[in-house]
Amino acid sequence: MAIVAILLLPVVTMLLYGMDRTEDWLARGPKPPRHARARHLRLIHGGRRQTANAVDQGETEAA
C-alpha cells in the first residue's frame, strides 16, 4: 500500500498544480484590448458659444 501511495504522489502533485493554475486563469478578469488606449476629450474652441447662439436664435424665432 505504501508503494501505491508513493507512486501516486507525483500524479496528485501535478493534478493540484494544474487545478491551481486553472482556478487562477478562470478568476482573473479580461485584459483590455491591444488597440484600446486612453481617450482624450477633444475641445473645439468657441464650440459652446456657437451652440448657445444657435439655441437662442431658435427660441426667438419660435416666440
N, C-alpha and C. Protein backbone atom coordinates (compact mmCIF):
# COMPACT_ATOMS: atom_id res chain seq x y z
N MET A 1 0.82 -1.19 0.00
CA MET A 1 0.00 0.00 0.00
C MET A 1 0.86 1.27 0.00
N ALA A 2 1.97 1.22 0.69
CA ALA A 2 2.89 2.36 0.72
C ALA A 2 3.47 2.61 -0.67
N ILE A 3 3.72 1.55 -1.41
CA ILE A 3 4.27 1.70 -2.76
C ILE A 3 3.27 2.41 -3.67
N VAL A 4 1.99 2.08 -3.56
CA VAL A 4 0.95 2.72 -4.37
C VAL A 4 0.85 4.20 -4.01
N ALA A 5 0.92 4.52 -2.72
CA ALA A 5 0.85 5.92 -2.28
C ALA A 5 2.04 6.70 -2.81
N ILE A 6 3.21 6.12 -2.78
CA ILE A 6 4.42 6.80 -3.27
C ILE A 6 4.33 7.01 -4.78
N LEU A 7 3.79 6.04 -5.50
CA LEU A 7 3.66 6.18 -6.94
C LEU A 7 2.59 7.20 -7.32
N LEU A 8 1.59 7.39 -6.49
CA LEU A 8 0.52 8.35 -6.78
C LEU A 8 0.88 9.78 -6.41
N LEU A 9 1.90 10.00 -5.61
CA LEU A 9 2.28 11.35 -5.18
C LEU A 9 2.57 12.27 -6.37
N PRO A 10 3.36 11.89 -7.35
CA PRO A 10 3.60 12.80 -8.49
C PRO A 10 2.31 13.11 -9.26
N VAL A 11 1.42 12.14 -9.39
CA VAL A 11 0.17 12.36 -10.11
C VAL A 11 -0.70 13.36 -9.36
N VAL A 12 -0.81 13.19 -8.05
CA VAL A 12 -1.61 14.11 -7.24
C VAL A 12 -0.99 15.50 -7.23
N THR A 13 0.33 15.58 -7.19
CA THR A 13 1.02 16.87 -7.21
C THR A 13 0.72 17.61 -8.51
N MET A 14 0.81 16.93 -9.63
CA MET A 14 0.52 17.56 -10.92
C MET A 14 -0.95 17.95 -11.02
N LEU A 15 -1.83 17.13 -10.49
CA LEU A 15 -3.25 17.45 -10.51
C LEU A 15 -3.54 18.70 -9.69
N LEU A 16 -2.97 18.81 -8.51
CA LEU A 16 -3.17 20.00 -7.67
C LEU A 16 -2.59 21.25 -8.34
N TYR A 17 -1.42 21.12 -8.93
CA TYR A 17 -0.80 22.26 -9.61
C TYR A 17 -1.66 22.70 -10.80
N GLY A 18 -2.12 21.75 -11.57
CA GLY A 18 -2.96 22.07 -12.72
C GLY A 18 -4.28 22.72 -12.31
N MET A 19 -4.89 22.25 -11.26
CA MET A 19 -6.14 22.84 -10.79
C MET A 19 -5.91 24.26 -10.26
N ASP A 20 -4.78 24.48 -9.59
CA ASP A 20 -4.46 25.82 -9.09
C ASP A 20 -4.28 26.80 -10.24
N ARG A 21 -3.56 26.40 -11.29
CA ARG A 21 -3.36 27.27 -12.46
C ARG A 21 -4.68 27.54 -13.18
N THR A 22 -5.53 26.51 -13.29
CA THR A 22 -6.82 26.68 -13.95
C THR A 22 -7.71 27.62 -13.15
N GLU A 23 -7.71 27.50 -11.84
CA GLU A 23 -8.51 28.39 -10.99
C GLU A 23 -8.04 29.84 -11.12
N ASP A 24 -6.74 30.06 -11.14
CA ASP A 24 -6.22 31.42 -11.32
C ASP A 24 -6.59 31.98 -12.68
N TRP A 25 -6.54 31.14 -13.71
CA TRP A 25 -6.88 31.56 -15.07
C TRP A 25 -8.34 31.95 -15.18
N LEU A 26 -9.22 31.20 -14.52
CA LEU A 26 -10.65 31.49 -14.59
C LEU A 26 -11.04 32.70 -13.74
N ALA A 27 -10.30 32.96 -12.66
CA ALA A 27 -10.66 34.02 -11.73
C ALA A 27 -10.22 35.40 -12.19
N ARG A 28 -9.19 35.48 -13.02
CA ARG A 28 -8.70 36.81 -13.42
C ARG A 28 -9.64 37.43 -14.46
N GLY A 29 -9.65 38.75 -14.47
CA GLY A 29 -10.52 39.48 -15.39
C GLY A 29 -9.93 39.52 -16.79
N PRO A 30 -10.73 39.94 -17.73
CA PRO A 30 -10.23 40.03 -19.10
C PRO A 30 -9.23 41.17 -19.25
N LYS A 31 -8.28 40.97 -20.13
CA LYS A 31 -7.30 42.02 -20.40
C LYS A 31 -7.91 43.04 -21.34
N PRO A 32 -7.50 44.30 -21.23
CA PRO A 32 -8.02 45.29 -22.19
C PRO A 32 -7.48 44.98 -23.59
N PRO A 33 -8.25 45.31 -24.61
CA PRO A 33 -7.77 45.05 -25.97
C PRO A 33 -6.48 45.80 -26.28
N ARG A 34 -5.70 45.27 -27.19
CA ARG A 34 -4.41 45.88 -27.52
C ARG A 34 -4.60 47.26 -28.14
N HIS A 35 -5.64 47.43 -28.92
CA HIS A 35 -5.83 48.71 -29.60
C HIS A 35 -6.46 49.77 -28.71
N ALA A 36 -6.90 49.39 -27.51
CA ALA A 36 -7.52 50.37 -26.61
C ALA A 36 -6.43 51.24 -25.99
N ARG A 37 -6.65 52.52 -26.02
CA ARG A 37 -5.73 53.45 -25.37
C ARG A 37 -6.54 54.52 -24.68
N ALA A 38 -5.88 55.35 -23.93
CA ALA A 38 -6.59 56.38 -23.18
C ALA A 38 -7.30 57.33 -24.14
N ARG A 39 -8.52 57.62 -23.82
CA ARG A 39 -9.29 58.52 -24.68
C ARG A 39 -9.17 59.94 -24.14
N HIS A 40 -8.97 60.87 -25.04
CA HIS A 40 -8.82 62.26 -24.67
C HIS A 40 -10.00 63.04 -25.21
N LEU A 41 -10.45 63.98 -24.41
CA LEU A 41 -11.53 64.84 -24.83
C LEU A 41 -10.98 65.90 -25.78
N ARG A 42 -11.56 66.00 -26.94
CA ARG A 42 -11.12 66.99 -27.92
C ARG A 42 -12.06 68.19 -27.84
N LEU A 43 -11.49 69.32 -27.51
CA LEU A 43 -12.29 70.53 -27.35
C LEU A 43 -12.22 71.37 -28.61
N ILE A 44 -13.34 71.93 -28.98
CA ILE A 44 -13.40 72.83 -30.13
C ILE A 44 -13.51 74.24 -29.57
N HIS A 45 -12.60 75.11 -29.92
CA HIS A 45 -12.61 76.46 -29.40
C HIS A 45 -13.86 77.19 -29.87
N GLY A 46 -14.58 77.76 -28.95
CA GLY A 46 -15.77 78.52 -29.29
C GLY A 46 -16.98 77.65 -29.60
N GLY A 47 -16.87 76.37 -29.46
CA GLY A 47 -17.98 75.48 -29.78
C GLY A 47 -19.18 75.71 -28.87
N ARG A 48 -18.94 76.00 -27.62
CA ARG A 48 -20.04 76.24 -26.68
C ARG A 48 -20.82 77.51 -27.07
N ARG A 49 -20.10 78.56 -27.46
CA ARG A 49 -20.76 79.81 -27.83
C ARG A 49 -21.61 79.63 -29.09
N GLN A 50 -21.11 78.89 -30.04
CA GLN A 50 -21.87 78.66 -31.26
C GLN A 50 -23.15 77.89 -30.97
N THR A 51 -23.08 76.90 -30.11
CA THR A 51 -24.25 76.11 -29.76
C THR A 51 -25.25 76.97 -29.01
N ALA A 52 -24.77 77.79 -28.07
CA ALA A 52 -25.67 78.65 -27.30
C ALA A 52 -26.35 79.66 -28.21
N ASN A 53 -25.64 80.23 -29.17
CA ASN A 53 -26.21 81.20 -30.10
C ASN A 53 -27.28 80.54 -30.98
N ALA A 54 -27.03 79.36 -31.44
CA ALA A 54 -27.99 78.66 -32.29
C ALA A 54 -29.27 78.36 -31.52
N VAL A 55 -29.16 78.00 -30.25
CA VAL A 55 -30.35 77.74 -29.44
C VAL A 55 -31.12 79.03 -29.20
N ASP A 56 -30.40 80.11 -28.90
CA ASP A 56 -31.06 81.40 -28.65
C ASP A 56 -31.81 81.88 -29.90
N GLN A 57 -31.20 81.75 -31.04
CA GLN A 57 -31.86 82.19 -32.28
C GLN A 57 -33.10 81.36 -32.55
N GLY A 58 -33.03 80.08 -32.27
CA GLY A 58 -34.17 79.21 -32.48
C GLY A 58 -35.33 79.57 -31.57
N GLU A 59 -35.05 79.95 -30.35
CA GLU A 59 -36.11 80.29 -29.41
C GLU A 59 -36.77 81.63 -29.77
N THR A 60 -35.97 82.59 -30.24
CA THR A 60 -36.56 83.92 -30.58
C THR A 60 -37.43 83.82 -31.83
N GLU A 61 -37.07 82.98 -32.77
CA GLU A 61 -37.87 82.86 -33.99
C GLU A 61 -39.20 82.17 -33.69
N ALA A 62 -39.18 81.20 -32.77
CA ALA A 62 -40.41 80.46 -32.46
C ALA A 62 -41.36 81.31 -31.63
N ALA A 63 -40.83 82.24 -30.84
CA ALA A 63 -41.68 83.03 -29.94
C ALA A 63 -42.33 84.17 -30.61
